[in-house]
Protein backbone atom coordinates (compact mmCIF):
# COMPACT_ATOMS: atom_id res chain seq x y z
CA MET A 1 52.29 102.71 69.14
CA ARG A 2 51.39 98.71 70.18
CA ILE A 3 54.71 97.34 69.83
CA ALA A 4 55.93 100.65 73.03
CA SER A 5 53.73 99.90 75.05
CA ALA A 6 54.23 96.63 75.64
CA ARG A 7 57.65 96.69 75.67
CA THR A 8 57.30 98.94 78.43
CA TRP A 9 57.65 96.41 81.10
CA PHE A 10 60.43 93.95 79.68
CA ILE A 11 63.96 94.04 81.56
CA MET A 12 66.26 95.24 78.76
CA LYS A 13 69.57 93.34 77.99
CA VAL A 14 72.35 95.11 76.50
CA ALA A 15 76.05 93.59 75.36
CA VAL A 16 78.85 96.95 75.38
CA VAL A 17 81.28 95.65 73.09
CA ALA A 18 84.86 97.22 73.38
CA ALA A 19 88.43 97.44 73.06
CA GLU A 20 89.07 98.79 76.21
CA MET A 21 87.79 98.52 79.52
CA ALA A 22 88.69 100.36 82.95
CA PRO A 23 90.88 99.36 85.27
CA TYR A 24 91.74 95.56 83.11
CA ALA A 25 92.43 97.15 79.73
CA LYS A 26 92.85 101.21 79.26
CA ALA A 27 94.66 102.75 76.03
CA GLY A 28 93.27 106.30 76.47
CA GLY A 29 89.12 107.77 77.36
CA LEU A 30 87.18 104.80 75.59
CA ALA A 31 88.69 102.66 78.85
CA ASP A 32 87.00 105.25 81.37
CA VAL A 33 83.43 104.82 79.01
CA ILE A 34 83.66 100.86 78.93
CA GLY A 35 84.30 101.67 82.71
CA ALA A 36 81.38 103.67 83.62
CA LEU A 37 78.82 103.48 81.01
CA PRO A 38 77.77 99.51 82.03
CA ALA A 39 77.52 100.27 85.29
CA GLU A 40 75.13 103.41 85.37
CA LEU A 41 72.81 101.69 82.72
CA GLN A 42 72.52 98.84 85.13
CA GLY A 43 71.66 100.96 87.85
CA CYS A 44 68.90 102.40 85.09
CA GLY A 45 67.34 98.89 85.25
CA ALA A 46 69.17 97.32 82.26
CA LEU A 47 70.48 93.81 81.96
CA VAL A 48 74.68 94.61 80.97
CA SER A 49 77.04 92.48 79.56
CA VAL A 50 80.59 94.20 78.20
CA VAL A 51 83.22 92.34 75.57
CA ILE A 52 86.61 92.90 75.33
CA PRO A 53 89.51 91.55 74.51
CA GLY A 54 91.28 88.83 76.41
CA TYR A 55 94.44 90.42 76.43
CA LYS A 56 97.45 90.14 79.52
CA CYS A 57 96.42 93.24 81.16
CA ALA A 58 92.96 92.52 81.87
CA LEU A 59 94.04 88.86 82.64
CA ALA A 60 95.84 89.11 84.87
CA ALA A 61 93.43 92.17 86.39
CA LEU A 62 90.57 90.62 86.74
CA ARG A 63 89.49 87.33 87.78
CA THR A 64 88.16 85.22 85.73
CA GLU A 65 86.93 81.93 84.79
CA ASN A 66 86.36 79.35 81.43
CA ILE A 67 82.75 79.12 80.12
CA GLY A 68 81.66 76.53 77.56
CA GLY A 69 83.87 75.32 75.12
CA GLU A 70 86.37 76.43 71.81
CA GLN A 71 84.43 78.25 69.25
CA ARG A 72 85.77 78.55 65.84
CA VAL A 73 85.50 81.17 63.42
CA MET A 74 86.42 82.29 59.26
CA ILE A 75 89.28 84.67 58.79
CA GLY A 76 89.21 85.29 55.52
CA GLU A 77 90.76 82.17 54.18
CA ARG A 78 92.04 81.03 57.72
CA LEU A 79 90.02 79.03 60.94
CA GLU A 80 90.16 80.92 63.82
CA HIS A 81 89.74 78.80 67.50
CA PHE A 82 88.53 81.26 70.89
CA SER A 83 87.19 80.29 74.39
CA LEU A 84 86.12 82.86 76.53
CA ARG A 85 86.21 83.52 79.64
CA THR A 86 84.13 85.56 82.27
CA GLY A 87 84.50 87.74 85.16
CA ILE A 88 82.86 90.04 87.25
CA GLY A 89 83.36 93.90 86.50
CA PRO A 90 82.48 97.08 88.53
CA ALA A 91 78.71 97.03 89.64
CA GLY A 92 78.52 93.78 88.76
CA VAL A 93 78.66 93.80 85.42
CA PRO A 94 79.56 90.24 83.80
CA VAL A 95 82.82 90.93 82.16
CA PHE A 96 83.57 88.42 79.13
CA LEU A 97 86.88 87.66 77.15
CA ILE A 98 87.18 86.56 73.93
CA MET A 99 90.77 84.33 74.42
CA HIS A 100 92.92 84.38 71.42
CA ASP A 101 96.62 83.81 72.20
CA GLY A 102 97.87 84.87 68.09
CA TYR A 103 95.81 87.96 68.34
CA PHE A 104 95.03 89.33 72.46
CA GLY A 105 98.04 87.64 74.40
CA ARG A 106 101.10 90.50 73.71
CA ASP A 107 102.28 93.22 76.08
CA GLY A 108 100.25 95.51 74.91
CA ILE A 109 96.86 97.24 73.57
CA TYR A 110 97.29 98.38 70.54
CA GLY A 111 100.83 97.86 70.05
CA GLU A 112 103.86 97.87 71.80
CA HIS A 113 106.97 100.09 71.66
CA GLY A 114 105.12 103.17 69.65
CA GLN A 115 104.20 101.42 67.48
CA ASP A 116 100.69 99.92 66.47
CA TYR A 117 100.44 96.30 65.36
CA SER A 118 100.58 95.56 61.76
CA ASP A 119 98.04 93.31 62.01
CA SER A 120 95.07 95.58 63.74
CA ILE A 121 92.53 94.69 61.45
CA GLU A 122 92.42 91.39 61.86
CA ARG A 123 92.73 91.53 65.11
CA PHE A 124 89.20 93.39 65.99
CA VAL A 125 87.71 91.75 62.88
CA PHE A 126 88.22 88.52 64.79
CA PHE A 127 87.15 90.07 67.56
CA SER A 128 84.13 91.63 66.13
CA ARG A 129 82.37 87.87 64.35
CA ALA A 130 83.98 86.12 67.74
CA ALA A 131 82.14 88.76 70.29
CA ALA A 132 78.94 88.37 67.62
CA LEU A 133 79.40 84.29 67.76
CA ALA A 134 79.67 84.49 71.73
CA LEU A 135 76.63 87.02 72.27
CA GLY A 136 74.22 85.35 69.93
CA GLU A 137 74.58 82.14 72.40
CA VAL A 138 75.42 83.25 75.72
CA VAL A 139 73.89 87.04 75.83
CA LYS A 140 71.31 87.31 73.29
CA PRO A 141 70.49 90.52 74.15
CA ASP A 142 68.19 93.41 73.09
CA LEU A 143 70.50 96.06 72.18
CA VAL A 144 74.30 95.57 71.02
CA HIS A 145 76.41 99.33 71.71
CA ALA A 146 79.49 99.13 69.95
CA HIS A 147 82.17 101.12 70.61
CA ASP A 148 84.93 102.55 68.18
CA TRP A 149 86.30 101.36 65.02
CA HIS A 150 87.59 98.70 66.44
CA VAL A 151 83.88 97.18 66.99
CA ALA A 152 82.75 98.65 63.52
CA ALA A 153 82.80 94.70 62.04
CA LEU A 154 80.14 93.71 64.40
CA PRO A 155 77.03 95.64 63.16
CA VAL A 156 78.37 95.22 59.80
CA LEU A 157 78.20 90.72 60.34
CA ILE A 158 75.21 90.85 61.85
CA ARG A 159 73.52 92.02 59.30
CA ALA A 160 75.47 91.03 55.68
CA ASP A 161 77.28 87.73 56.90
CA SER A 162 73.76 84.97 56.40
CA ALA A 163 74.77 82.93 58.98
CA LEU A 164 74.29 85.79 61.45
CA ARG A 165 71.61 87.49 60.02
CA MET A 166 68.83 85.15 60.96
CA GLN A 167 70.05 85.08 64.95
CA TRP A 168 70.40 89.19 65.23
CA ASP A 169 67.36 90.09 63.11
CA ARG A 170 65.65 90.85 66.20
CA THR A 171 68.72 92.49 67.63
CA ALA A 172 69.40 96.54 67.79
CA SER A 173 72.63 97.63 67.72
CA LEU A 174 74.17 101.63 68.12
CA PHE A 175 77.80 102.41 67.12
CA THR A 176 79.29 105.41 69.39
CA ILE A 177 82.31 106.67 68.07
CA HIS A 178 84.72 108.19 69.78
CA ASN A 179 87.20 109.63 67.89
CA LEU A 180 86.39 110.22 63.84
CA ALA A 181 90.09 110.17 62.95
CA PHE A 182 90.57 107.02 63.47
CA GLN A 183 88.19 104.80 60.86
CA GLY A 184 89.52 101.72 60.68
CA LEU A 185 89.93 102.22 56.86
CA THR A 186 92.46 99.92 55.23
CA ASP A 187 93.47 98.24 52.44
CA ALA A 188 90.52 96.95 49.93
CA ARG A 189 92.09 93.72 50.26
CA ASP A 190 91.81 93.22 53.55
CA PHE A 191 87.55 92.73 52.69
CA ARG A 192 88.48 89.19 52.61
CA LEU A 193 88.50 88.99 56.40
CA LEU A 194 85.02 89.66 56.98
CA ASN A 195 83.78 86.71 54.51
CA ILE A 196 80.35 88.51 53.12
CA ASP A 197 79.38 88.88 50.08
CA ARG A 198 81.52 91.24 47.85
CA SER A 199 78.44 93.64 47.20
CA TYR A 200 79.05 95.24 50.56
CA LEU A 201 82.53 96.62 49.24
CA SER A 202 80.60 98.96 47.70
CA VAL A 203 80.61 103.03 47.75
CA GLY A 204 76.43 102.51 49.23
CA CYS A 205 78.39 100.74 52.40
CA LEU A 206 82.26 99.78 53.57
CA GLU A 207 83.74 100.87 50.27
CA PHE A 208 85.80 104.29 51.03
CA PHE A 209 87.75 105.94 47.64
CA GLY A 210 89.12 102.34 46.62
CA ARG A 211 89.88 101.04 50.06
CA MET A 212 87.74 99.68 52.75
CA ASN A 213 86.00 101.73 55.86
CA LEU A 214 85.33 99.64 58.74
CA MET A 215 83.81 102.58 60.45
CA LYS A 216 82.00 104.41 57.61
CA GLY A 217 80.09 100.68 57.30
CA ALA A 218 78.77 100.49 61.09
CA ILE A 219 77.41 103.81 60.55
CA VAL A 220 75.66 102.37 57.74
CA MET A 221 74.50 99.66 58.97
CA ALA A 222 73.82 100.24 62.49
CA ASP A 223 70.42 100.72 63.40
CA GLY A 224 71.56 104.30 65.60
CA VAL A 225 74.65 105.65 65.48
CA SER A 226 76.15 108.18 68.59
CA THR A 227 79.06 109.93 69.49
CA VAL A 228 80.30 111.95 72.84
CA SER A 229 79.35 115.25 72.98
CA PRO A 230 76.33 117.59 71.32
CA THR A 231 78.54 119.47 69.74
CA TYR A 232 80.97 117.34 68.16
CA ALA A 233 77.29 115.89 66.53
CA ARG A 234 77.39 118.65 64.49
CA GLU A 235 80.66 119.55 63.60
CA VAL A 236 81.64 115.66 62.48
CA SER A 237 78.07 115.70 60.06
CA SER A 238 78.33 119.06 58.85
CA ASP A 239 82.12 120.48 58.33
CA PRO A 240 85.04 118.40 56.83
CA SER A 241 87.60 119.25 58.56
CA TYR A 242 85.92 117.37 61.37
CA GLY A 243 83.75 114.55 59.04
CA PHE A 244 87.23 113.33 57.16
CA GLY A 245 84.87 112.05 54.65
CA LEU A 246 82.49 111.07 56.16
CA GLU A 247 79.98 113.66 56.91
CA GLY A 248 77.54 112.87 54.09
CA VAL A 249 77.35 109.90 55.42
CA LEU A 250 76.74 111.08 59.03
CA ARG A 251 73.77 113.56 57.78
CA GLU A 252 72.78 110.75 56.17
CA LYS A 253 71.48 108.71 59.59
CA GLY A 254 68.99 112.00 60.12
CA SER A 255 67.37 111.57 63.45
CA ARG A 256 69.43 108.06 64.46
CA PHE A 257 72.58 109.66 64.81
CA VAL A 258 73.12 111.64 68.24
CA GLY A 259 75.56 113.43 70.59
CA ILE A 260 75.27 112.25 74.43
CA LEU A 261 77.96 113.91 76.49
CA ASN A 262 80.04 111.47 78.46
CA GLY A 263 79.84 111.41 81.92
CA ALA A 264 83.52 112.04 84.24
CA ASP A 265 83.60 109.16 86.78
CA TYR A 266 83.23 111.01 90.01
CA HIS A 267 84.02 107.61 91.73
CA GLU A 268 87.77 107.51 90.87
CA TRP A 269 87.91 111.78 90.19
CA ASN A 270 87.22 114.05 93.36
CA PRO A 271 88.95 115.53 94.99
CA ALA A 272 86.96 114.53 98.53
CA THR A 273 88.33 111.58 98.53
CA ASP A 274 91.19 111.27 95.89
CA GLN A 275 94.11 108.78 97.80
CA HIS A 276 96.47 110.13 95.36
CA ILE A 277 97.21 113.59 96.16
CA ALA A 278 98.58 115.71 99.03
CA GLN A 279 95.16 116.58 100.89
CA ARG A 280 91.41 116.21 100.24
CA TYR A 281 89.23 119.11 99.80
CA THR A 282 85.96 119.84 99.59
CA PRO A 283 84.09 122.64 98.02
CA ASP A 284 83.23 123.76 101.52
CA GLN A 285 86.34 123.22 102.66
CA PRO A 286 88.78 123.87 99.89
CA ALA A 287 92.13 124.55 102.14
CA GLY A 288 93.24 121.02 101.01
CA LYS A 289 94.18 122.88 97.59
CA SER A 290 96.81 124.96 98.69
CA VAL A 291 99.03 121.79 100.22
CA CYS A 292 98.32 119.83 96.86
CA ALA A 293 99.79 123.09 94.60
CA ARG A 294 103.00 122.92 96.40
CA ALA A 295 103.28 119.58 96.82
CA LEU A 296 102.87 119.41 93.26
CA ARG A 297 105.67 121.95 92.76
CA GLN A 298 107.77 120.14 95.35
CA ARG A 299 107.90 116.94 93.78
CA ILE A 300 108.14 118.08 89.50
CA GLY A 301 110.89 120.75 90.70
CA LEU A 302 108.84 124.40 90.40
CA PRO A 303 109.92 126.69 92.56
CA ILE A 304 107.79 125.63 96.22
CA ASP A 305 106.71 129.71 96.77
CA SER A 306 106.43 131.13 93.58
CA LYS A 307 103.46 132.86 93.34
CA ARG A 308 102.72 132.44 89.33
CA ALA A 309 99.43 130.59 88.67
CA LEU A 310 100.53 127.30 87.78
CA VAL A 311 98.81 126.10 84.44
CA GLY A 312 98.79 121.50 84.40
CA MET A 313 98.20 119.43 81.02
CA VAL A 314 97.45 115.52 80.65
CA SER A 315 97.15 115.08 77.63
CA ARG A 316 98.07 112.94 74.39
CA ILE A 317 101.15 115.12 73.14
CA THR A 318 99.17 115.23 69.45
CA ALA A 319 98.36 118.24 66.92
CA GLN A 320 94.63 116.98 68.00
CA LYS A 321 95.29 118.04 71.27
CA GLY A 322 96.99 121.69 70.31
CA PHE A 323 100.50 121.37 71.07
CA ASP A 324 101.19 122.60 67.28
CA LEU A 325 99.12 125.71 69.00
CA LEU A 326 101.23 125.86 72.27
CA VAL A 327 104.62 125.77 70.75
CA ASP A 328 104.41 128.30 68.73
CA ALA A 329 103.20 130.38 71.87
CA LEU A 330 104.79 128.75 74.23
CA ASP A 331 107.55 131.91 74.20
CA GLU A 332 104.66 134.30 74.59
CA LEU A 333 102.88 132.26 77.11
CA LEU A 334 105.79 132.00 79.74
CA ALA A 335 106.34 135.64 79.30
CA LEU A 336 102.97 135.56 81.44
CA ASP A 337 103.02 135.02 85.29
CA ILE A 338 102.74 131.79 85.18
CA ASP A 339 104.24 127.79 85.29
CA LEU A 340 102.78 125.03 83.18
CA VAL A 341 103.61 121.33 84.08
CA ILE A 342 102.55 118.90 81.41
CA LEU A 343 102.30 115.33 81.62
CA GLY A 344 101.91 113.15 78.48
CA ASN A 345 103.55 111.69 75.63
CA GLY A 346 103.24 111.72 71.93
CA GLU A 347 104.29 112.84 68.72
CA ALA A 348 108.11 113.45 68.94
CA GLU A 349 108.64 117.06 67.74
CA PHE A 350 105.97 118.54 70.24
CA VAL A 351 108.33 116.17 72.78
CA THR A 352 111.37 117.51 71.71
CA ARG A 353 109.69 121.38 71.64
CA LEU A 354 108.63 121.15 74.95
CA GLN A 355 112.05 119.63 76.61
CA ARG A 356 113.54 122.53 75.50
CA ALA A 357 112.22 124.50 76.55
CA GLN A 358 112.17 123.18 80.35
CA GLN A 359 115.89 122.85 79.67
CA GLU A 360 115.95 126.46 78.73
CA LYS A 361 113.42 127.85 81.53
CA PRO A 362 113.67 125.10 84.36
CA ASP A 363 112.06 127.05 87.14
CA ARG A 364 108.96 127.95 84.66
CA ILE A 365 108.59 124.17 82.71
CA ARG A 366 108.06 121.04 83.13
CA ILE A 367 107.14 117.91 81.31
CA SER A 368 107.58 114.25 82.52
CA THR A 369 106.65 111.63 79.32
CA ALA A 370 106.74 108.52 81.45
CA PHE A 371 102.47 107.45 82.05
CA ASP A 372 102.30 108.32 86.24
CA ASN A 373 98.22 107.88 87.36
CA ASP A 374 99.38 109.68 90.80
CA LEU A 375 100.66 112.75 89.15
CA ALA A 376 98.15 112.77 86.71
CA HIS A 377 95.91 113.53 89.96
CA GLN A 378 98.20 115.57 91.35
CA ILE A 379 98.14 118.13 88.37
CA GLN A 380 94.18 118.82 88.61
CA ALA A 381 94.79 119.18 92.51
CA GLY A 382 97.63 121.39 92.79
CA CYS A 383 96.72 123.33 89.70
CA ASP A 384 94.96 126.83 89.51
CA MET A 385 94.20 126.60 85.86
CA PHE A 386 94.13 123.75 82.89
CA LEU A 387 94.90 123.85 79.78
CA MET A 388 93.08 122.53 76.45
CA PRO A 389 93.90 124.00 73.12
CA SER A 390 92.19 121.03 71.06
CA ARG A 391 92.11 121.03 67.23
CA PHE A 392 88.83 119.20 67.77
CA GLU A 393 88.21 117.10 70.93
CA PRO A 394 85.22 114.98 70.64
CA CYS A 395 84.12 114.84 73.94
CA GLY A 396 87.54 115.24 76.59
CA LEU A 397 86.87 113.79 80.32
CA THR A 398 90.09 115.80 81.95
CA GLN A 399 88.50 118.97 81.79
CA MET A 400 85.19 117.86 83.79
CA TYR A 401 87.65 115.88 86.55
CA ALA A 402 89.62 119.33 86.75
CA LEU A 403 86.19 121.41 87.43
CA LYS A 404 85.70 119.35 90.15
CA TYR A 405 88.87 119.53 91.28
CA GLY A 406 88.84 123.72 91.50
CA THR A 407 90.93 124.00 88.74
CA ALA A 408 89.74 126.60 86.25
CA PRO A 409 89.86 125.09 82.63
CA VAL A 410 91.01 127.27 79.81
CA VAL A 411 90.01 125.92 76.33
CA ARG A 412 89.29 126.06 72.74
CA ALA A 413 85.61 125.69 72.08
CA THR A 414 85.65 122.59 69.98
CA GLY A 415 83.15 119.29 70.16
CA GLY A 416 82.92 118.14 74.49
CA LEU A 417 84.39 120.92 75.46
CA ALA A 418 82.42 123.91 74.08
CA ASP A 419 79.64 121.84 75.74
CA THR A 420 81.06 121.65 79.59
CA ILE A 421 82.90 124.98 79.17
CA THR A 422 82.09 128.36 79.40
CA GLU A 423 83.79 131.95 79.35
CA PHE A 424 83.95 133.12 83.21
CA ASP A 425 82.19 136.61 83.47
CA SER A 426 83.06 138.57 86.46
CA VAL A 427 80.54 140.91 86.00
CA SER A 428 77.34 138.36 86.58
CA GLY A 429 79.66 136.06 88.34
CA SER A 430 78.92 132.82 85.62
CA GLY A 431 80.46 130.90 83.98
CA ASN A 432 83.46 128.09 84.93
CA GLY A 433 86.37 128.65 82.49
CA PHE A 434 88.36 130.31 80.00
CA VAL A 435 87.37 129.73 76.35
CA PHE A 436 88.48 130.78 72.23
CA GLU A 437 87.48 130.14 69.06
CA ALA A 438 90.23 130.83 65.86
CA TYR A 439 92.40 128.06 66.60
CA GLN A 440 95.59 130.59 66.55
CA PRO A 441 98.46 131.38 69.14
CA ALA A 442 97.50 135.15 68.97
CA GLU A 443 93.79 133.86 70.60
CA LEU A 444 95.31 131.34 72.95
CA ILE A 445 97.26 134.21 74.40
CA ALA A 446 94.67 136.81 74.54
CA THR A 447 92.74 133.82 76.98
CA MET A 448 95.39 133.66 79.31
CA ARG A 449 95.77 136.82 79.64
CA ARG A 450 91.64 137.13 80.26
CA ALA A 451 92.58 134.24 83.08
CA LEU A 452 95.24 135.62 84.60
CA GLN A 453 92.95 139.14 85.39
CA THR A 454 90.81 136.91 86.94
CA PHE A 455 93.35 135.30 89.01
CA SER A 456 94.71 138.20 89.84
CA ASP A 457 91.07 139.04 91.35
CA ARG A 458 90.76 136.88 94.62
CA PRO A 459 87.17 137.77 95.01
CA ALA A 460 86.50 136.60 91.77
CA TRP A 461 88.78 133.41 91.29
CA GLU A 462 87.26 132.24 94.38
CA ARG A 463 83.47 132.59 92.82
CA LEU A 464 85.26 131.27 89.85
CA MET A 465 86.36 128.13 91.82
CA ALA A 466 83.55 127.81 93.70
CA ASN A 467 80.96 128.12 89.48
CA CYS A 468 83.47 124.83 88.99
CA PHE A 469 83.34 123.33 91.89
CA VAL A 470 79.65 122.75 91.06
CA ALA A 471 79.63 121.52 87.82
CA ASP A 472 77.87 117.88 87.84
CA PHE A 473 78.93 115.67 84.36
CA SER A 474 78.32 112.43 85.79
CA TRP A 475 77.40 109.43 83.94
CA SER A 476 73.83 109.74 85.13
CA ALA A 477 72.47 112.25 83.18
CA ALA A 478 74.09 110.19 80.09
CA ALA A 479 72.83 106.79 81.15
CA ALA A 480 69.64 107.95 80.82
CA ARG A 481 70.35 109.71 77.33
CA TYR A 482 71.19 106.39 76.39
CA MET A 483 68.72 103.84 77.83
CA ASP A 484 66.03 106.12 75.59
CA PHE A 485 67.83 106.29 72.55
CA TYR A 486 68.31 102.58 73.11
CA ARG A 487 64.43 102.09 73.90
CA GLN A 488 63.84 104.00 70.49
CA LEU A 489 66.25 102.05 68.70
CA ILE A 490 64.75 98.09 70.12
CA ASP A 491 61.40 99.24 69.47
CA GLN A 492 62.38 100.51 65.79
CA ARG A 493 63.95 96.77 65.10
CA ALA A 494 60.95 95.53 66.74
CA ARG A 495 58.99 97.25 63.80
CA HIS A 496 61.48 96.17 60.90
CA ALA A 497 61.56 92.43 62.02
CA SER A 498 57.88 91.71 62.55
């Protein structure tokens, strides 16, 4: 108790370490989180720093300067040199870039031409070790917050490496899982890259069915673990189909494993201020949405004067995102009174089937596979509904954006989708979307029928749109929860170190 009260006054120093950060280096939703959360944490009173790799794209987007001299770390039997650059990110948050031309001076973040880099494990073990060394000297944080498998080696190294252990003994660590399907699973021979005692390649730490699992090691070694929604936390710790073999390891964390729902960046995604859409609009003056719908139809080549509901998707085209379900249901969906627009790329099988459907029914479906941020915004603003039939969805952000734009989400009840979307009831007027549970084409089709029935009832649809508009999933609530968890972990670490 004395420790907790003694720490109520101190300014918490937090170091956030991740492989992506918007707007400097983005491959997915992780970048959006790292682009928004640190600024919110700083608004809560923390002193926050961010560490990312020194990619080409990050150097082009962020003005930086060198700090300190060249440093060295061992990766396996090889000595690797790196330097540190720093710049100022959103809300004045310092951003540190780990510079190594061999690992990060490439055109891609994780790969190129649809293929991951073959040395991904080595690149990110290096990044984790270099970040630990640099942070220990430059920032000296009270808590280090590592995100996803790319940085999973960091919580392991600061406890298992004899050269780092004493330096980091009083620093708490939090590891956040953004998607448990990607674990940093590799051949056991890659354990040599970590340069720690062989005892850590055991079933109690990094060993996983004869291989090395970096995420498992981080879960075991971190002071606390979180994931990006409460429902996903329950799913991955109780159901093997969601836990991918780590459900038991997560259960063992007990109260030190929590689900904290991600927030939405309403500075970027807000129809009242959006520079990418045909006409800005607000909940009080929503007429601009119809202008956006007409402009979207014109841009993508769907009939401009159609009275059919326009359904949008902005997503990676993968089985995880429910595209196997979608293509199986597609003929029956298009037999309903909807048009469909999809922005995304991914698994060739699903892309091919969707492109074939576009050729067969060019007045009903459009698919665009080239990344287009303008179009992503225009789909949110111009569509009536936003479809997310995910097999699993740790959090999801695009359904939160859809709500802000008055675009009714149609989702499967899993992960963060279950935490943010509730079934609309036309009698009570409650709810903000349409939800199904069973992962079956018939359930998706039945749910779309319910949505269309409400769409045909204008007063009910306007009430639904109003419910969407008022939904608030801003980052402030998530940041406050993280701050509480940080304090808990820092106090636990202080008791351990004393």
